[in-house]
């Protein structure tokens, strides 16, 4: 089975680091963390992502821009907001989002 590439956008460094660490605990998932919209654009230039998680500090305008970016560059990419709640919820959210592809 191919790895699932997940891009996480959040502007809180510790939470971003934790999310990436949790994602990368799953051998089939590969997490990439970015803290700005510009970094997200650059990440899309060099990688294909199956899922984009929007975390802490991503406002509605940035969310809209990421959604437009996904629609333009990678329409098969699922975008969703992660509100926190622990590793169990994160894993459940990711698994559910991946069934939406």
PDB file of N, CA and C in Angstrom:
ATOM      1  N   UNK A   1       0.838  -1.180   0.000  1.00  0.00           N
ATOM      2  CA  UNK A   1       0.000   0.000   0.000  1.00  0.00           C
ATOM      3  C   UNK A   1       0.884   1.244   0.000  1.00  0.00           C
ATOM      4  N   UNK A   2       0.515   2.226  -0.811  1.00  0.00           N
ATOM      5  CA  UNK A   2       1.280   3.464  -0.903  1.00  0.00           C
ATOM      6  C   UNK A   2       1.056   4.326   0.329  1.00  0.00           C
ATOM      7  N   UNK A   3       2.074   5.104   0.651  1.00  0.00           N
ATOM      8  CA  UNK A   3       1.944   6.021   1.782  1.00  0.00           C
ATOM      9  C   UNK A   3       0.925   7.109   1.481  1.00  0.00           C
ATOM     10  N   UNK A   4       0.267   7.553   2.516  1.00  0.00           N
ATOM     11  CA  UNK A   4      -0.676   8.657   2.445  1.00  0.00           C
ATOM     12  C   UNK A   4       0.084   9.912   2.869  1.00  0.00           C
ATOM     13  N   UNK A   5       0.150  10.893   1.990  1.00  0.00           N
ATOM     14  CA  UNK A   5       0.840  12.147   2.289  1.00  0.00           C
ATOM     15  C   UNK A   5      -0.141  13.156   2.846  1.00  0.00           C
ATOM     16  N   UNK A   6       0.189  13.684   4.022  1.00  0.00           N
ATOM     17  CA  UNK A   6      -0.690  14.607   4.736  1.00  0.00           C
ATOM     18  C   UNK A   6       0.062  15.901   4.993  1.00  0.00           C
ATOM     19  N   UNK A   7      -0.533  16.999   4.548  1.00  0.00           N
ATOM     20  CA  UNK A   7       0.010  18.323   4.815  1.00  0.00           C
ATOM     21  C   UNK A   7      -0.758  18.928   5.974  1.00  0.00           C
ATOM     22  N   UNK A   8      -0.033  19.420   6.970  1.00  0.00           N
ATOM     23  CA  UNK A   8      -0.653  20.068   8.127  1.00  0.00           C
ATOM     24  C   UNK A   8      -0.235  21.528   8.125  1.00  0.00           C
ATOM     25  N   UNK A   9      -1.229  22.418   8.138  1.00  0.00           N
ATOM     26  CA  UNK A   9      -0.990  23.850   8.221  1.00  0.00           C
ATOM     27  C   UNK A   9      -1.491  24.340   9.566  1.00  0.00           C
ATOM     28  N   UNK A  10      -0.586  24.873  10.371  1.00  0.00           N
ATOM     29  CA  UNK A  10      -0.938  25.438  11.678  1.00  0.00           C
ATOM     30  C   UNK A  10       0.128  26.452  12.049  1.00  0.00           C
ATOM     31  N   UNK A  11      -0.269  27.497  12.763  1.00  0.00           N
ATOM     32  CA  UNK A  11       0.738  28.511  13.097  1.00  0.00           C
ATOM     33  C   UNK A  11       1.227  28.425  14.539  1.00  0.00           C
ATOM     34  N   UNK A  12       0.830  27.404  15.254  1.00  0.00           N
ATOM     35  CA  UNK A  12       1.327  27.174  16.612  1.00  0.00           C
ATOM     36  C   UNK A  12       2.372  26.059  16.530  1.00  0.00           C
ATOM     37  N   UNK A  13       3.639  26.417  16.708  1.00  0.00           N
ATOM     38  CA  UNK A  13       4.755  25.502  16.441  1.00  0.00           C
ATOM     39  C   UNK A  13       4.665  24.196  17.236  1.00  0.00           C
ATOM     40  N   UNK A  14       4.339  24.271  18.505  1.00  0.00           N
ATOM     41  CA  UNK A  14       4.309  23.053  19.325  1.00  0.00           C
ATOM     42  C   UNK A  14       3.185  22.116  18.905  1.00  0.00           C
ATOM     43  N   UNK A  15       2.034  22.687  18.598  1.00  0.00           N
ATOM     44  CA  UNK A  15       0.905  21.849  18.156  1.00  0.00           C
ATOM     45  C   UNK A  15       1.203  21.248  16.797  1.00  0.00           C
ATOM     46  N   UNK A  16       1.785  22.035  15.908  1.00  0.00           N
ATOM     47  CA  UNK A  16       2.162  21.523  14.584  1.00  0.00           C
ATOM     48  C   UNK A  16       3.138  20.365  14.728  1.00  0.00           C
ATOM     49  N   UNK A  17       4.140  20.540  15.566  1.00  0.00           N
ATOM     50  CA  UNK A  17       5.126  19.485  15.797  1.00  0.00           C
ATOM     51  C   UNK A  17       4.461  18.218  16.354  1.00  0.00           C
ATOM     52  N   UNK A  18       3.551  18.386  17.282  1.00  0.00           N
ATOM     53  CA  UNK A  18       2.852  17.237  17.869  1.00  0.00           C
ATOM     54  C   UNK A  18       2.005  16.515  16.830  1.00  0.00           C
ATOM     55  N   UNK A  19       1.287  17.279  16.025  1.00  0.00           N
ATOM     56  CA  UNK A  19       0.456  16.647  14.989  1.00  0.00           C
ATOM     57  C   UNK A  19       1.303  15.856  14.004  1.00  0.00           C
ATOM     58  N   UNK A  20       2.421  16.425  13.583  1.00  0.00           N
ATOM     59  CA  UNK A  20       3.298  15.722  12.640  1.00  0.00           C
ATOM     60  C   UNK A  20       3.867  14.452  13.285  1.00  0.00           C
ATOM     61  N   UNK A  21       4.276  14.561  14.529  1.00  0.00           N
ATOM     62  CA  UNK A  21       4.809  13.389  15.234  1.00  0.00           C
ATOM     63  C   UNK A  21       3.759  12.279  15.312  1.00  0.00           C
ATOM     64  N   UNK A  22       2.523  12.635  15.648  1.00  0.00           N
ATOM     65  CA  UNK A  22       1.453  11.643  15.746  1.00  0.00           C
ATOM     66  C   UNK A  22       1.132  11.023  14.386  1.00  0.00           C
ATOM     67  N   UNK A  23       1.073  11.848  13.370  1.00  0.00           N
ATOM     68  CA  UNK A  23       0.801  11.345  12.018  1.00  0.00           C
ATOM     69  C   UNK A  23       1.891  10.375  11.588  1.00  0.00           C
ATOM     70  N   UNK A  24       3.138  10.738  11.836  1.00  0.00           N
ATOM     71  CA  UNK A  24       4.258   9.909  11.376  1.00  0.00           C
ATOM     72  C   UNK A  24       4.443   8.633  12.199  1.00  0.00           C
ATOM     73  N   UNK A  25       3.699   8.476  13.289  1.00  0.00           N
ATOM     74  CA  UNK A  25       3.719   7.208  14.026  1.00  0.00           C
ATOM     75  C   UNK A  25       3.068   6.091  13.222  1.00  0.00           C
ATOM     76  N   UNK A  26       2.171   6.457  12.322  1.00  0.00           N
ATOM     77  CA  UNK A  26       1.526   5.476  11.456  1.00  0.00           C
ATOM     78  C   UNK A  26       2.460   5.221  10.270  1.00  0.00           C
ATOM     79  N   UNK A  27       2.878   3.992  10.097  1.00  0.00           N
ATOM     80  CA  UNK A  27       3.840   3.645   9.039  1.00  0.00           C
ATOM     81  C   UNK A  27       3.333   3.954   7.636  1.00  0.00           C
ATOM     82  N   UNK A  28       2.022   4.076   7.474  1.00  0.00           N
ATOM     83  CA  UNK A  28       1.457   4.316   6.151  1.00  0.00           C
ATOM     84  C   UNK A  28       1.191   5.790   5.874  1.00  0.00           C
ATOM     85  N   UNK A  29       1.456   6.633   6.857  1.00  0.00           N
ATOM     86  CA  UNK A  29       1.218   8.066   6.706  1.00  0.00           C
ATOM     87  C   UNK A  29       2.533   8.826   6.726  1.00  0.00           C
ATOM     88  N   UNK A  30       2.602   9.878   5.915  1.00  0.00           N
ATOM     89  CA  UNK A  30       3.766  10.752   5.888  1.00  0.00           C
ATOM     90  C   UNK A  30       3.292  12.189   6.078  1.00  0.00           C
ATOM     91  N   UNK A  31       3.608  12.775   7.221  1.00  0.00           N
ATOM     92  CA  UNK A  31       3.159  14.128   7.530  1.00  0.00           C
ATOM     93  C   UNK A  31       4.213  15.169   7.222  1.00  0.00           C
ATOM     94  N   UNK A  32       3.750  16.278   6.642  1.00  0.00           N
ATOM     95  CA  UNK A  32       4.588  17.440   6.371  1.00  0.00           C
ATOM     96  C   UNK A  32       3.915  18.633   7.029  1.00  0.00           C
ATOM     97  N   UNK A  33       4.659  19.366   7.823  1.00  0.00           N
ATOM     98  CA  UNK A  33       4.095  20.510   8.522  1.00  0.00           C
ATOM     99  C   UNK A  33       4.559  21.821   7.943  1.00  0.00           C
ATOM    100  N   UNK A  34       3.627  22.768   7.822  1.00  0.00           N
ATOM    101  CA  UNK A  34       3.941  24.118   7.379  1.00  0.00           C
ATOM    102  C   UNK A  34       3.205  25.100   8.279  1.00  0.00           C
ATOM    103  N   UNK A  35       3.752  26.303   8.381  1.00  0.00           N
ATOM    104  CA  UNK A  35       3.144  27.285   9.277  1.00  0.00           C
ATOM    105  C   UNK A  35       2.614  28.520   8.559  1.00  0.00           C
ATOM    106  N   UNK A  36       2.622  28.484   7.229  1.00  0.00           N
ATOM    107  CA  UNK A  36       2.091  29.630   6.490  1.00  0.00           C
ATOM    108  C   UNK A  36       1.524  29.168   5.150  1.00  0.00           C
ATOM    109  N   UNK A  37       0.716  30.017   4.586  1.00  0.00           N
ATOM    110  CA  UNK A  37       0.132  29.740   3.284  1.00  0.00           C
ATOM    111  C   UNK A  37       1.203  29.639   2.200  1.00  0.00           C
ATOM    112  N   UNK A  38       2.216  30.494   2.288  1.00  0.00           N
ATOM    113  CA  UNK A  38       3.310  30.443   1.310  1.00  0.00           C
ATOM    114  C   UNK A  38       4.051  29.119   1.392  1.00  0.00           C
ATOM    115  N   UNK A  39       4.300  28.638   2.610  1.00  0.00           N
ATOM    116  CA  UNK A  39       4.956  27.333   2.774  1.00  0.00           C
ATOM    117  C   UNK A  39       4.077  26.218   2.220  1.00  0.00           C
ATOM    118  N   UNK A  40       2.775  26.339   2.393  1.00  0.00           N
ATOM    119  CA  UNK A  40       1.857  25.327   1.847  1.00  0.00           C
ATOM    120  C   UNK A  40       1.934  25.308   0.326  1.00  0.00           C
ATOM    121  N   UNK A  41       1.965  26.483  -0.280  1.00  0.00           N
ATOM    122  CA  UNK A  41       2.085  26.548  -1.751  1.00  0.00           C
ATOM    123  C   UNK A  41       3.375  25.876  -2.224  1.00  0.00           C
ATOM    124  N   UNK A  42       4.466  26.169  -1.529  1.00  0.00           N
ATOM    125  CA  UNK A  42       5.751  25.558  -1.904  1.00  0.00           C
ATOM    126  C   UNK A  42       5.707  24.036  -1.728  1.00  0.00           C
ATOM    127  N   UNK A  43       5.071  23.579  -0.664  1.00  0.00           N
ATOM    128  CA  UNK A  43       4.968  22.134  -0.428  1.00  0.00           C
ATOM    129  C   UNK A  43       4.210  21.463  -1.560  1.00  0.00           C
ATOM    130  N   UNK A  44       3.142  22.109  -2.059  1.00  0.00           N
ATOM    131  CA  UNK A  44       2.374  21.549  -3.170  1.00  0.00           C
ATOM    132  C   UNK A  44       3.183  21.510  -4.460  1.00  0.00           C
ATOM    133  N   UNK A  45       4.179  22.385  -4.585  1.00  0.00           N
ATOM    134  CA  UNK A  45       5.010  22.386  -5.786  1.00  0.00           C
ATOM    135  C   UNK A  45       5.917  21.159  -5.846  1.00  0.00           C
ATOM    136  N   UNK A  46       6.260  20.601  -4.681  1.00  0.00           N
ATOM    137  CA  UNK A  46       7.204  19.484  -4.679  1.00  0.00           C
ATOM    138  C   UNK A  46       6.588  18.159  -4.238  1.00  0.00           C
ATOM    139  N   UNK A  47       5.362  18.173  -3.721  1.00  0.00           N
ATOM    140  CA  UNK A  47       4.723  16.946  -3.244  1.00  0.00           C
ATOM    141  C   UNK A  47       3.273  16.871  -3.687  1.00  0.00           C
ATOM    142  N   UNK A  48       2.774  15.655  -3.701  1.00  0.00           N
ATOM    143  CA  UNK A  48       1.349  15.404  -3.913  1.00  0.00           C
ATOM    144  C   UNK A  48       0.784  15.022  -2.554  1.00  0.00           C
ATOM    145  N   UNK A  49      -0.304  15.665  -2.147  1.00  0.00           N
ATOM    146  CA  UNK A  49      -0.901  15.379  -0.853  1.00  0.00           C
ATOM    147  C   UNK A  49      -2.282  14.765  -1.028  1.00  0.00           C
ATOM    148  N   UNK A  50      -2.556  13.790  -0.178  1.00  0.00           N
ATOM    149  CA  UNK A  50      -3.859  13.149  -0.165  1.00  0.00           C
ATOM    150  C   UNK A  50      -4.833  13.893   0.751  1.00  0.00           C
ATOM    151  N   UNK A  51      -4.264  14.576   1.744  1.00  0.00           N
ATOM    152  CA  UNK A  51      -5.075  15.235   2.757  1.00  0.00           C
ATOM    153  C   UNK A  51      -4.359  16.485   3.251  1.00  0.00           C
ATOM    154  N   UNK A  52      -5.132  17.547   3.479  1.00  0.00           N
ATOM    155  CA  UNK A  52      -4.621  18.751   4.108  1.00  0.00           C
ATOM    156  C   UNK A  52      -5.413  18.960   5.391  1.00  0.00           C
ATOM    157  N   UNK A  53      -4.701  19.041   6.505  1.00  0.00           N
ATOM    158  CA  UNK A  53      -5.319  19.333   7.799  1.00  0.00           C
ATOM    159  C   UNK A  53      -5.037  20.778   8.159  1.00  0.00           C
ATOM    160  N   UNK A  54      -6.081  21.500   8.495  1.00  0.00           N
ATOM    161  CA  UNK A  54      -5.959  22.893   8.899  1.00  0.00           C
ATOM    162  C   UNK A  54      -6.073  22.945  10.410  1.00  0.00           C
ATOM    163  N   UNK A  55      -5.036  23.423  11.047  1.00  0.00           N
ATOM    164  CA  UNK A  55      -4.988  23.419  12.499  1.00  0.00           C
ATOM    165  C   UNK A  55      -5.082  24.799  13.103  1.00  0.00           C
ATOM    166  N   UNK A  56      -4.510  24.926  14.271  1.00  0.00           N
ATOM    167  CA  UNK A  56      -4.562  26.140  15.072  1.00  0.00           C
ATOM    168  C   UNK A  56      -4.031  27.347  14.304  1.00  0.00           C
ATOM    169  N   UNK A  57      -4.780  28.445  14.368  1.00  0.00           N
ATOM    170  CA  UNK A  57      -4.330  29.699  13.786  1.00  0.00           C
ATOM    171  C   UNK A  57      -4.643  29.896  12.321  1.00  0.00           C
ATOM    172  N   UNK A  58      -5.276  28.934  11.686  1.00  0.00           N
ATOM    173  CA  UNK A  58      -5.637  29.084  10.279  1.00  0.00           C
ATOM    174  C   UNK A  58      -7.005  29.764  10.235  1.00  0.00           C
ATOM    175  N   UNK A  59      -7.005  31.022   9.792  1.00  0.00           N
ATOM    176  CA  UNK A  59      -8.262  31.768   9.768  1.00  0.00           C
ATOM    177  C   UNK A  59      -9.077  31.420   8.523  1.00  0.00           C
ATOM    178  N   UNK A  60     -10.277  31.986   8.443  1.00  0.00           N
ATOM    179  CA  UNK A  60     -11.180  31.661   7.333  1.00  0.00           C
ATOM    180  C   UNK A  60     -10.603  32.053   5.980  1.00  0.00           C
ATOM    181  N   UNK A  61      -9.891  33.171   5.920  1.00  0.00           N
ATOM    182  CA  UNK A  61      -9.295  33.610   4.653  1.00  0.00           C
ATOM    183  C   UNK A  61      -8.232  32.617   4.186  1.00  0.00           C
ATOM    184  N   UNK A  62      -7.352  32.204   5.093  1.00  0.00           N
ATOM    185  CA  UNK A  62      -6.325  31.216   4.735  1.00  0.00           C
ATOM    186  C   UNK A  62      -6.973  29.894   4.349  1.00  0.00           C
ATOM    187  N   UNK A  63      -8.014  29.515   5.065  1.00  0.00           N
ATOM    188  CA  UNK A  63      -8.729  28.273   4.721  1.00  0.00           C
ATOM    189  C   UNK A  63      -9.295  28.354   3.307  1.00  0.00           C
ATOM    190  N   UNK A  64      -9.900  29.474   2.960  1.00  0.00           N
ATOM    191  CA  UNK A  64     -10.438  29.660   1.605  1.00  0.00           C
ATOM    192  C   UNK A  64      -9.344  29.565   0.555  1.00  0.00           C
ATOM    193  N   UNK A  65      -8.191  30.164   0.855  1.00  0.00           N
ATOM    194  CA  UNK A  65      -7.085  30.121  -0.095  1.00  0.00           C
ATOM    195  C   UNK A  65      -6.540  28.708  -0.268  1.00  0.00           C
ATOM    196  N   UNK A  66      -6.459  27.964   0.834  1.00  0.00           N
ATOM    197  CA  UNK A  66      -6.002  26.577   0.737  1.00  0.00           C
ATOM    198  C   UNK A  66      -6.997  25.743  -0.059  1.00  0.00           C
ATOM    199  N   UNK A  67      -8.282  25.947   0.178  1.00  0.00           N
ATOM    200  CA  UNK A  67      -9.292  25.212  -0.582  1.00  0.00           C
ATOM    201  C   UNK A  67      -9.175  25.508  -2.072  1.00  0.00           C
ATOM    202  N   UNK A  68      -8.975  26.782  -2.414  1.00  0.00           N
ATOM    203  CA  UNK A  68      -8.788  27.147  -3.832  1.00  0.00           C
ATOM    204  C   UNK A  68      -7.522  26.512  -4.402  1.00  0.00           C
ATOM    205  N   UNK A  69      -6.456  26.512  -3.608  1.00  0.00           N
ATOM    206  CA  UNK A  69      -5.206  25.895  -4.050  1.00  0.00           C
ATOM    207  C   UNK A  69      -5.423  24.407  -4.335  1.00  0.00           C
ATOM    208  N   UNK A  70      -6.092  23.733  -3.428  1.00  0.00           N
ATOM    209  CA  UNK A  70      -6.357  22.300  -3.637  1.00  0.00           C
ATOM    210  C   UNK A  70      -7.216  22.073  -4.875  1.00  0.00           C
ATOM    211  N   UNK A  71      -8.255  22.876  -5.043  1.00  0.00           N
ATOM    212  CA  UNK A  71      -9.126  22.728  -6.213  1.00  0.00           C
ATOM    213  C   UNK A  71      -8.361  22.927  -7.517  1.00  0.00           C
ATOM    214  N   UNK A  72      -7.400  23.847  -7.504  1.00  0.00           N
ATOM    215  CA  UNK A  72      -6.641  24.167  -8.708  1.00  0.00           C
ATOM    216  C   UNK A  72      -5.524  23.169  -8.973  1.00  0.00           C
ATOM    217  N   UNK A  73      -4.735  22.891  -7.947  1.00  0.00           N
ATOM    218  CA  UNK A  73      -3.519  22.092  -8.111  1.00  0.00           C
ATOM    219  C   UNK A  73      -3.772  20.601  -7.922  1.00  0.00           C
ATOM    220  N   UNK A  74      -4.623  20.267  -6.978  1.00  0.00           N
ATOM    221  CA  UNK A  74      -4.810  18.856  -6.620  1.00  0.00           C
ATOM    222  C   UNK A  74      -6.254  18.603  -6.202  1.00  0.00           C
ATOM    223  N   UNK A  75      -7.173  18.552  -7.161  1.00  0.00           N
ATOM    224  CA  UNK A  75      -8.591  18.421  -6.820  1.00  0.00           C
ATOM    225  C   UNK A  75      -8.948  17.147  -6.054  1.00  0.00           C
ATOM    226  N   UNK A  76      -8.098  16.148  -6.093  1.00  0.00           N
ATOM    227  CA  UNK A  76      -8.362  14.904  -5.363  1.00  0.00           C
ATOM    228  C   UNK A  76      -7.982  15.011  -3.886  1.00  0.00           C
ATOM    229  N   UNK A  77      -7.331  16.097  -3.497  1.00  0.00           N
ATOM    230  CA  UNK A  77      -6.889  16.283  -2.117  1.00  0.00           C
ATOM    231  C   UNK A  77      -8.060  16.693  -1.239  1.00  0.00           C
ATOM    232  N   UNK A  78      -8.216  15.983  -0.138  1.00  0.00           N
ATOM    233  CA  UNK A  78      -9.256  16.308   0.838  1.00  0.00           C
ATOM    234  C   UNK A  78      -8.700  17.336   1.813  1.00  0.00           C
ATOM    235  N   UNK A  79      -9.472  18.381   2.085  1.00  0.00           N
ATOM    236  CA  UNK A  79      -9.079  19.406   3.060  1.00  0.00           C
ATOM    237  C   UNK A  79     -10.073  19.379   4.209  1.00  0.00           C
ATOM    238  N   UNK A  80      -9.533  19.442   5.416  1.00  0.00           N
ATOM    239  CA  UNK A  80     -10.414  19.471   6.576  1.00  0.00           C
ATOM    240  C   UNK A  80      -9.755  20.212   7.720  1.00  0.00           C
ATOM    241  N   UNK A  81     -10.573  20.724   8.596  1.00  0.00           N
ATOM    242  CA  UNK A  81     -10.083  21.427   9.777  1.00  0.00           C
ATOM    243  C   UNK A  81      -9.981  20.434  10.920  1.00  0.00           C
ATOM    244  N   UNK A  82      -8.860  20.535  11.654  1.00  0.00           N
ATOM    245  CA  UNK A  82      -8.660  19.732  12.863  1.00  0.00           C
ATOM    246  C   UNK A  82      -8.728  20.674  14.054  1.00  0.00           C
ATOM    247  N   UNK A  83      -9.630  20.386  14.970  1.00  0.00           N
ATOM    248  CA  UNK A  83      -9.854  21.263  16.115  1.00  0.00           C
ATOM    249  C   UNK A  83      -9.129  20.824  17.369  1.00  0.00           C
ATOM    250  N   UNK A  84      -8.423  19.741  17.325  1.00  0.00           N
ATOM    251  CA  UNK A  84      -7.750  19.244  18.523  1.00  0.00           C
ATOM    252  C   UNK A  84      -8.560  18.134  19.157  1.00  0.00           C
ATOM    253  N   UNK A  85      -8.147  17.727  20.334  1.00  0.00           N
ATOM    254  CA  UNK A  85      -8.912  16.704  21.031  1.00  0.00           C
ATOM    255  C   UNK A  85      -8.154  15.416  21.267  1.00  0.00           C
ATOM    256  N   UNK A  86      -6.885  15.385  20.949  1.00  0.00           N
ATOM    257  CA  UNK A  86      -6.086  14.210  21.250  1.00  0.00           C
ATOM    258  C   UNK A  86      -5.813  13.336  20.038  1.00  0.00           C
ATOM    259  N   UNK A  87      -4.910  12.390  20.246  1.00  0.00           N
ATOM    260  CA  UNK A  87      -4.448  11.559  19.137  1.00  0.00           C
ATOM    261  C   UNK A  87      -5.545  10.647  18.602  1.00  0.00           C
ATOM    262  N   UNK A  88      -6.404  10.139  19.466  1.00  0.00           N
ATOM    263  CA  UNK A  88      -7.480   9.261  18.998  1.00  0.00           C
ATOM    264  C   UNK A  88      -8.410   9.972  18.034  1.00  0.00           C
ATOM    265  N   UNK A  89      -8.764  11.198  18.370  1.00  0.00           N
ATOM    266  CA  UNK A  89      -9.630  11.980  17.492  1.00  0.00           C
ATOM    267  C   UNK A  89      -8.908  12.309  16.192  1.00  0.00           C
ATOM    268  N   UNK A  90      -7.646  12.665  16.272  1.00  0.00           N
ATOM    269  CA  UNK A  90      -6.867  12.970  15.070  1.00  0.00           C
ATOM    270  C   UNK A  90      -6.852  11.771  14.124  1.00  0.00           C
ATOM    271  N   UNK A  91      -6.554  10.587  14.654  1.00  0.00           N
ATOM    272  CA  UNK A  91      -6.526   9.388  13.816  1.00  0.00           C
ATOM    273  C   UNK A  91      -7.892   9.119  13.195  1.00  0.00           C
ATOM    274  N   UNK A  92      -8.946   9.264  13.980  1.00  0.00           N
ATOM    275  CA  UNK A  92     -10.304   9.035  13.468  1.00  0.00           C
ATOM    276  C   UNK A  92     -10.650  10.026  12.368  1.00  0.00           C
ATOM    277  N   UNK A  93     -10.300  11.291  12.573  1.00  0.00           N
ATOM    278  CA  UNK A  93     -10.573  12.311  11.565  1.00  0.00           C
ATOM    279  C   UNK A  93      -9.848  11.994  10.253  1.00  0.00           C
ATOM    280  N   UNK A  94      -8.592  11.605  10.374  1.00  0.00           N
ATOM    281  CA  UNK A  94      -7.804  11.290   9.172  1.00  0.00           C
ATOM    282  C   UNK A  94      -8.406  10.092   8.450  1.00  0.00           C
ATOM    283  N   UNK A  95      -8.694   9.032   9.179  1.00  0.00           N
ATOM    284  CA  UNK A  95      -9.274   7.842   8.540  1.00  0.00           C
ATOM    285  C   UNK A  95     -10.594   8.160   7.865  1.00  0.00           C
ATOM    286  N   UNK A  96     -11.432   8.956   8.533  1.00  0.00           N
ATOM    287  CA  UNK A  96     -12.717   9.341   7.941  1.00  0.00           C
ATOM    288  C   UNK A  96     -12.489  10.190   6.677  1.00  0.00           C
ATOM    289  N   UNK A  97     -11.594  11.143   6.749  1.00  0.00           N
ATOM    290  CA  UNK A  97     -11.327  12.017   5.596  1.00  0.00           C
ATOM    291  C   UNK A  97     -10.817  11.211   4.412  1.00  0.00           C
ATOM    292  N   UNK A  98     -10.006  10.213   4.669  1.00  0.00           N
ATOM    293  CA  UNK A  98      -9.448   9.419   3.573  1.00  0.00           C
ATOM    294  C   UNK A  98     -10.516   8.577   2.879  1.00  0.00           C
ATOM    295  N   UNK A  99     -11.602   8.283   3.573  1.00  0.00           N
ATOM    296  CA  UNK A  99     -12.701   7.551   2.915  1.00  0.00           C
ATOM    297  C   UNK A  99     -13.487   8.471   1.997  1.00  0.00           C
ATOM    298  N   UNK A 100     -13.306   9.790   2.115  1.00  0.00           N
ATOM    299  CA  UNK A 100     -14.009  10.762   1.298  1.00  0.00           C
ATOM    300  C   UNK A 100     -13.351  10.969  -0.059  1.00  0.00           C
ATOM    301  N   UNK A 101     -12.177  10.375  -0.269  1.00  0.00           N
ATOM    302  CA  UNK A 101     -11.468  10.573  -1.538  1.00  0.00           C
ATOM    303  C   UNK A 101     -12.114   9.817  -2.655  1.00  0.00           C
TER     304      UNK A 101
END
